[in-house]
Amino acid sequence: MSSSLIPPESLARVGEILAGPVTVRIDRRESQRYAYAVGDLNPIYFDDESAKAAGYRTLTIPPLFITHALVAPEPASKLRTDGLYEDSTSVVLKVARMMFGGEEWDFLEPVCVGDEITGTTRLLDLDQKEGKKGPFVRLVRETTFTNQDEQVVARSRQIGIAR
């Protein structure tokens, strides 16, 4: 295997909180706007009676709205040349570029309008692999979403591939 693309100080950050906790109250208007934007017109997002008939306390939300709700708005001046926002939580690696390598989700409990959701992101894993075109780094960030009752309602794992 070639020399390490992961500095020891970055490897030591595995398990560290990278962002959060951030807490937001789930807003009816915003969750419905999101549902319209993604083309998900399920009545459980718009009609209280439909939501209750489906077993929810009140209106529920499209599954991926949970991550959208927690993203703070940023000005365009913070965009990098690649179209992504500057990231102050970046893990330093000896690589030229980072690519999106996929995302996995676990939805554990329903999220309803009015719930307070807290998201915390940590560095779950960081390792070096040998590929056909040489070494690369796999970086995994895990975000845990909890509600006002401290129940974990969802968990996402974002995978980055760096060369």
C-alpha atoms as a PDB file:
ATOM      1  CA  MET A   1       0.000   0.000   0.000  1.00  0.00           C
ATOM      2  CA  SER A   2       1.204   3.514  -0.731  1.00  0.00           C
ATOM      3  CA  SER A   3       1.862   6.180   1.892  1.00  0.00           C
ATOM      4  CA  SER A   4      -1.065   7.352   3.990  1.00  0.00           C
ATOM      5  CA  LEU A   5      -3.417   9.998   2.632  1.00  0.00           C
ATOM      6  CA  ILE A   6      -4.803  10.438   6.161  1.00  0.00           C
ATOM      7  CA  PRO A   7      -2.734  12.554   8.558  1.00  0.00           C
ATOM      8  CA  PRO A   8      -2.613  11.069  12.090  1.00  0.00           C
ATOM      9  CA  GLU A   9      -4.396  14.132  13.536  1.00  0.00           C
ATOM     10  CA  SER A  10      -7.322  13.521  11.160  1.00  0.00           C
ATOM     11  CA  LEU A  11      -7.486   9.829  12.000  1.00  0.00           C
ATOM     12  CA  ALA A  12      -7.601  10.801  15.685  1.00  0.00           C
ATOM     13  CA  ARG A  13     -10.829  12.745  14.965  1.00  0.00           C
ATOM     14  CA  VAL A  14     -12.884   9.585  14.291  1.00  0.00           C
ATOM     15  CA  GLY A  15     -15.837   9.754  16.679  1.00  0.00           C
ATOM     16  CA  GLU A  16     -15.566  13.547  17.054  1.00  0.00           C
ATOM     17  CA  ILE A  17     -18.611  15.777  16.667  1.00  0.00           C
ATOM     18  CA  LEU A  18     -18.153  17.809  13.476  1.00  0.00           C
ATOM     19  CA  ALA A  19     -21.368  19.849  13.542  1.00  0.00           C
ATOM     20  CA  GLY A  20     -24.179  20.575  15.944  1.00  0.00           C
ATOM     21  CA  PRO A  21     -26.130  20.063  17.870  1.00  0.00           C
ATOM     22  CA  VAL A  22     -28.600  22.159  15.882  1.00  0.00           C
ATOM     23  CA  THR A  23     -32.262  22.245  16.906  1.00  0.00           C
ATOM     24  CA  VAL A  24     -35.247  23.384  14.831  1.00  0.00           C
ATOM     25  CA  ARG A  25     -39.002  23.215  15.231  1.00  0.00           C
ATOM     26  CA  ILE A  26     -40.594  21.442  12.270  1.00  0.00           C
ATOM     27  CA  ASP A  27     -42.693  24.034  10.483  1.00  0.00           C
ATOM     28  CA  ARG A  28     -45.911  23.136   8.637  1.00  0.00           C
ATOM     29  CA  ARG A  29     -45.460  25.698   5.861  1.00  0.00           C
ATOM     30  CA  GLU A  30     -41.848  24.773   5.167  1.00  0.00           C
ATOM     31  CA  SER A  31     -42.494  21.015   5.193  1.00  0.00           C
ATOM     32  CA  GLN A  32     -45.435  21.455   2.800  1.00  0.00           C
ATOM     33  CA  ARG A  33     -43.364  23.664   0.484  1.00  0.00           C
ATOM     34  CA  TYR A  34     -40.715  20.935   0.473  1.00  0.00           C
ATOM     35  CA  ALA A  35     -43.338  18.257  -0.320  1.00  0.00           C
ATOM     36  CA  TYR A  36     -44.578  20.331  -3.282  1.00  0.00           C
ATOM     37  CA  ALA A  37     -41.005  20.957  -4.464  1.00  0.00           C
ATOM     38  CA  VAL A  38     -40.151  17.238  -4.526  1.00  0.00           C
ATOM     39  CA  GLY A  39     -43.528  16.278  -6.003  1.00  0.00           C
ATOM     40  CA  ASP A  40     -44.664  14.224  -2.987  1.00  0.00           C
ATOM     41  CA  LEU A  41     -48.357  15.064  -2.571  1.00  0.00           C
ATOM     42  CA  ASN A  42     -49.206  12.431   0.030  1.00  0.00           C
ATOM     43  CA  PRO A  43     -52.202  13.758   2.017  1.00  0.00           C
ATOM     44  CA  ILE A  44     -50.485  12.931   5.348  1.00  0.00           C
ATOM     45  CA  TYR A  45     -48.361  16.063   4.739  1.00  0.00           C
ATOM     46  CA  PHE A  46     -51.327  18.362   4.009  1.00  0.00           C
ATOM     47  CA  ASP A  47     -54.467  17.083   5.737  1.00  0.00           C
ATOM     48  CA  ASP A  48     -54.670  16.551   9.519  1.00  0.00           C
ATOM     49  CA  GLU A  49     -57.415  13.933   9.255  1.00  0.00           C
ATOM     50  CA  SER A  50     -55.446  11.894   6.710  1.00  0.00           C
ATOM     51  CA  ALA A  51     -52.367  12.032   8.937  1.00  0.00           C
ATOM     52  CA  LYS A  52     -54.339  10.933  12.011  1.00  0.00           C
ATOM     53  CA  ALA A  53     -56.079   8.165  10.039  1.00  0.00           C
ATOM     54  CA  ALA A  54     -52.617   6.894   9.051  1.00  0.00           C
ATOM     55  CA  GLY A  55     -51.599   6.735  12.729  1.00  0.00           C
ATOM     56  CA  TYR A  56     -49.689  10.022  13.156  1.00  0.00           C
ATOM     57  CA  ARG A  57     -50.272  12.544  15.985  1.00  0.00           C
ATOM     58  CA  THR A  58     -50.666  15.302  13.410  1.00  0.00           C
ATOM     59  CA  LEU A  59     -49.250  16.133   9.984  1.00  0.00           C
ATOM     60  CA  THR A  60     -46.038  14.281   9.263  1.00  0.00           C
ATOM     61  CA  ILE A  61     -43.242  15.273   6.879  1.00  0.00           C
ATOM     62  CA  PRO A  62     -41.570  13.879   3.762  1.00  0.00           C
ATOM     63  CA  PRO A  63     -38.674  11.696   4.967  1.00  0.00           C
ATOM     64  CA  LEU A  64     -35.739  13.767   3.685  1.00  0.00           C
ATOM     65  CA  PHE A  65     -37.218  17.077   4.842  1.00  0.00           C
ATOM     66  CA  ILE A  66     -35.602  16.389   8.207  1.00  0.00           C
ATOM     67  CA  THR A  67     -32.149  17.174   6.838  1.00  0.00           C
ATOM     68  CA  HIS A  68     -33.371  20.158   4.810  1.00  0.00           C
ATOM     69  CA  ALA A  69     -34.953  21.684   7.917  1.00  0.00           C
ATOM     70  CA  LEU A  70     -31.633  21.676   9.783  1.00  0.00           C
ATOM     71  CA  VAL A  71     -29.509  23.303   7.061  1.00  0.00           C
ATOM     72  CA  ALA A  72     -28.824  26.935   7.888  1.00  0.00           C
ATOM     73  CA  PRO A  73     -29.185  29.369   4.981  1.00  0.00           C
ATOM     74  CA  GLU A  74     -25.857  30.629   3.634  1.00  0.00           C
ATOM     75  CA  PRO A  75     -25.098  33.565   1.322  1.00  0.00           C
ATOM     76  CA  ALA A  76     -23.878  32.882  -2.210  1.00  0.00           C
ATOM     77  CA  SER A  77     -20.568  34.542  -1.265  1.00  0.00           C
ATOM     78  CA  LYS A  78     -19.724  31.400   0.765  1.00  0.00           C
ATOM     79  CA  LEU A  79     -19.942  29.157  -2.317  1.00  0.00           C
ATOM     80  CA  ARG A  80     -16.694  27.618  -3.541  1.00  0.00           C
ATOM     81  CA  THR A  81     -15.861  27.420  -7.241  1.00  0.00           C
ATOM     82  CA  ASP A  82     -17.190  23.827  -7.333  1.00  0.00           C
ATOM     83  CA  GLY A  83     -20.662  25.042  -6.265  1.00  0.00           C
ATOM     84  CA  LEU A  84     -20.479  23.648  -2.722  1.00  0.00           C
ATOM     85  CA  TYR A  85     -20.439  25.753   0.427  1.00  0.00           C
ATOM     86  CA  GLU A  86     -17.268  26.290   2.419  1.00  0.00           C
ATOM     87  CA  ASP A  87     -17.063  23.727   5.197  1.00  0.00           C
ATOM     88  CA  SER A  88     -15.401  24.720   8.458  1.00  0.00           C
ATOM     89  CA  THR A  89     -15.725  21.129   9.740  1.00  0.00           C
ATOM     90  CA  SER A  90     -13.584  19.632   6.991  1.00  0.00           C
ATOM     91  CA  VAL A  91     -11.283  16.788   7.866  1.00  0.00           C
ATOM     92  CA  VAL A  92      -7.780  17.447   6.500  1.00  0.00           C
ATOM     93  CA  LEU A  93      -6.611  14.801   4.021  1.00  0.00           C
ATOM     94  CA  LYS A  94      -3.672  14.587   1.596  1.00  0.00           C
ATOM     95  CA  VAL A  95      -5.914  14.482  -1.464  1.00  0.00           C
ATOM     96  CA  ALA A  96      -6.790  16.706  -4.420  1.00  0.00           C
ATOM     97  CA  ARG A  97     -10.576  16.283  -4.467  1.00  0.00           C
ATOM     98  CA  MET A  98     -13.578  14.883  -2.619  1.00  0.00           C
ATOM     99  CA  MET A  99     -16.595  13.257  -4.285  1.00  0.00           C
ATOM    100  CA  PHE A 100     -19.989  12.204  -2.999  1.00  0.00           C
ATOM    101  CA  GLY A 101     -19.950   8.438  -2.483  1.00  0.00           C
ATOM    102  CA  GLY A 102     -23.519   7.813  -1.402  1.00  0.00           C
ATOM    103  CA  GLU A 103     -25.859   8.165   1.532  1.00  0.00           C
ATOM    104  CA  GLU A 104     -27.674   5.665   3.729  1.00  0.00           C
ATOM    105  CA  TRP A 105     -30.699   6.415   5.924  1.00  0.00           C
ATOM    106  CA  ASP A 106     -32.436   4.761   8.855  1.00  0.00           C
ATOM    107  CA  PHE A 107     -35.888   6.212   9.627  1.00  0.00           C
ATOM    108  CA  LEU A 108     -36.747   5.040  13.138  1.00  0.00           C
ATOM    109  CA  GLU A 109     -39.674   7.148  14.424  1.00  0.00           C
ATOM    110  CA  PRO A 110     -42.175   9.452  12.712  1.00  0.00           C
ATOM    111  CA  VAL A 111     -41.499  13.185  12.688  1.00  0.00           C
ATOM    112  CA  CYS A 112     -44.553  15.449  12.898  1.00  0.00           C
ATOM    113  CA  VAL A 113     -45.160  19.138  12.388  1.00  0.00           C
ATOM    114  CA  GLY A 114     -44.349  20.923  15.657  1.00  0.00           C
ATOM    115  CA  ASP A 115     -41.674  18.446  16.754  1.00  0.00           C
ATOM    116  CA  GLU A 116     -38.320  19.867  17.806  1.00  0.00           C
ATOM    117  CA  ILE A 117     -35.565  17.999  16.008  1.00  0.00           C
ATOM    118  CA  THR A 118     -31.894  18.151  16.959  1.00  0.00           C
ATOM    119  CA  GLY A 119     -29.189  17.017  14.563  1.00  0.00           C
ATOM    120  CA  THR A 120     -25.611  16.197  15.505  1.00  0.00           C
ATOM    121  CA  THR A 121     -22.990  15.114  12.964  1.00  0.00           C
ATOM    122  CA  ARG A 122     -19.872  13.153  13.843  1.00  0.00           C
ATOM    123  CA  LEU A 123     -16.993  11.593  11.961  1.00  0.00           C
ATOM    124  CA  LEU A 124     -18.016   7.941  11.996  1.00  0.00           C
ATOM    125  CA  ASP A 125     -15.210   6.384   9.970  1.00  0.00           C
ATOM    126  CA  LEU A 126     -12.119   7.308   8.001  1.00  0.00           C
ATOM    127  CA  ASP A 127     -10.027   4.741   6.173  1.00  0.00           C
ATOM    128  CA  GLN A 128      -7.739   4.335   3.206  1.00  0.00           C
ATOM    129  CA  LYS A 129      -8.355   1.781   0.476  1.00  0.00           C
ATOM    130  CA  GLU A 130      -6.425   0.681  -2.573  1.00  0.00           C
ATOM    131  CA  GLY A 131      -8.359   0.963  -5.834  1.00  0.00           C
ATOM    132  CA  LYS A 132      -7.584   0.192  -9.477  1.00  0.00           C
ATOM    133  CA  LYS A 133      -6.385   3.768  -9.955  1.00  0.00           C
ATOM    134  CA  GLY A 134      -4.456   3.954  -6.696  1.00  0.00           C
ATOM    135  CA  PRO A 135      -5.210   4.828  -3.103  1.00  0.00           C
ATOM    136  CA  PHE A 136      -8.337   6.662  -1.988  1.00  0.00           C
ATOM    137  CA  VAL A 137      -9.921   7.661   1.310  1.00  0.00           C
ATOM    138  CA  ARG A 138     -13.439   6.764   2.424  1.00  0.00           C
ATOM    139  CA  LEU A 139     -14.880   9.285   4.888  1.00  0.00           C
ATOM    140  CA  VAL A 140     -18.200   8.626   6.641  1.00  0.00           C
ATOM    141  CA  ARG A 141     -20.136  11.334   8.485  1.00  0.00           C
ATOM    142  CA  GLU A 142     -23.117  10.226  10.542  1.00  0.00           C
ATOM    143  CA  THR A 143     -25.918  12.576  11.552  1.00  0.00           C
ATOM    144  CA  THR A 144     -28.241  11.525  14.349  1.00  0.00           C
ATOM    145  CA  PHE A 145     -31.637  13.236  14.571  1.00  0.00           C
ATOM    146  CA  THR A 146     -33.481  13.230  17.903  1.00  0.00           C
ATOM    147  CA  ASN A 147     -36.851  14.688  18.868  1.00  0.00           C
ATOM    148  CA  GLN A 148     -37.957  16.703  21.893  1.00  0.00           C
ATOM    149  CA  ASP A 149     -38.452  13.439  23.823  1.00  0.00           C
ATOM    150  CA  GLU A 150     -34.802  12.462  23.127  1.00  0.00           C
ATOM    151  CA  GLN A 151     -35.898   9.638  20.824  1.00  0.00           C
ATOM    152  CA  VAL A 152     -33.628   8.979  17.856  1.00  0.00           C
ATOM    153  CA  VAL A 153     -35.969   9.500  14.905  1.00  0.00           C
ATOM    154  CA  ALA A 154     -33.476   9.087  12.040  1.00  0.00           C
ATOM    155  CA  ARG A 155     -29.830   8.542  11.244  1.00  0.00           C
ATOM    156  CA  SER A 156     -27.975   9.300   8.019  1.00  0.00           C
ATOM    157  CA  ARG A 157     -24.522   8.293   6.889  1.00  0.00           C
ATOM    158  CA  GLN A 158     -22.907  10.351   4.130  1.00  0.00           C
ATOM    159  CA  ILE A 159     -19.962   8.762   2.389  1.00  0.00           C
ATOM    160  CA  GLY A 160     -17.217  10.799   0.780  1.00  0.00           C
ATOM    161  CA  ILE A 161     -14.570   9.405  -1.534  1.00  0.00           C
ATOM    162  CA  ALA A 162     -11.320  11.376  -1.746  1.00  0.00           C
ATOM    163  CA  ARG A 163      -8.313  11.016  -4.078  1.00  0.00           C
END
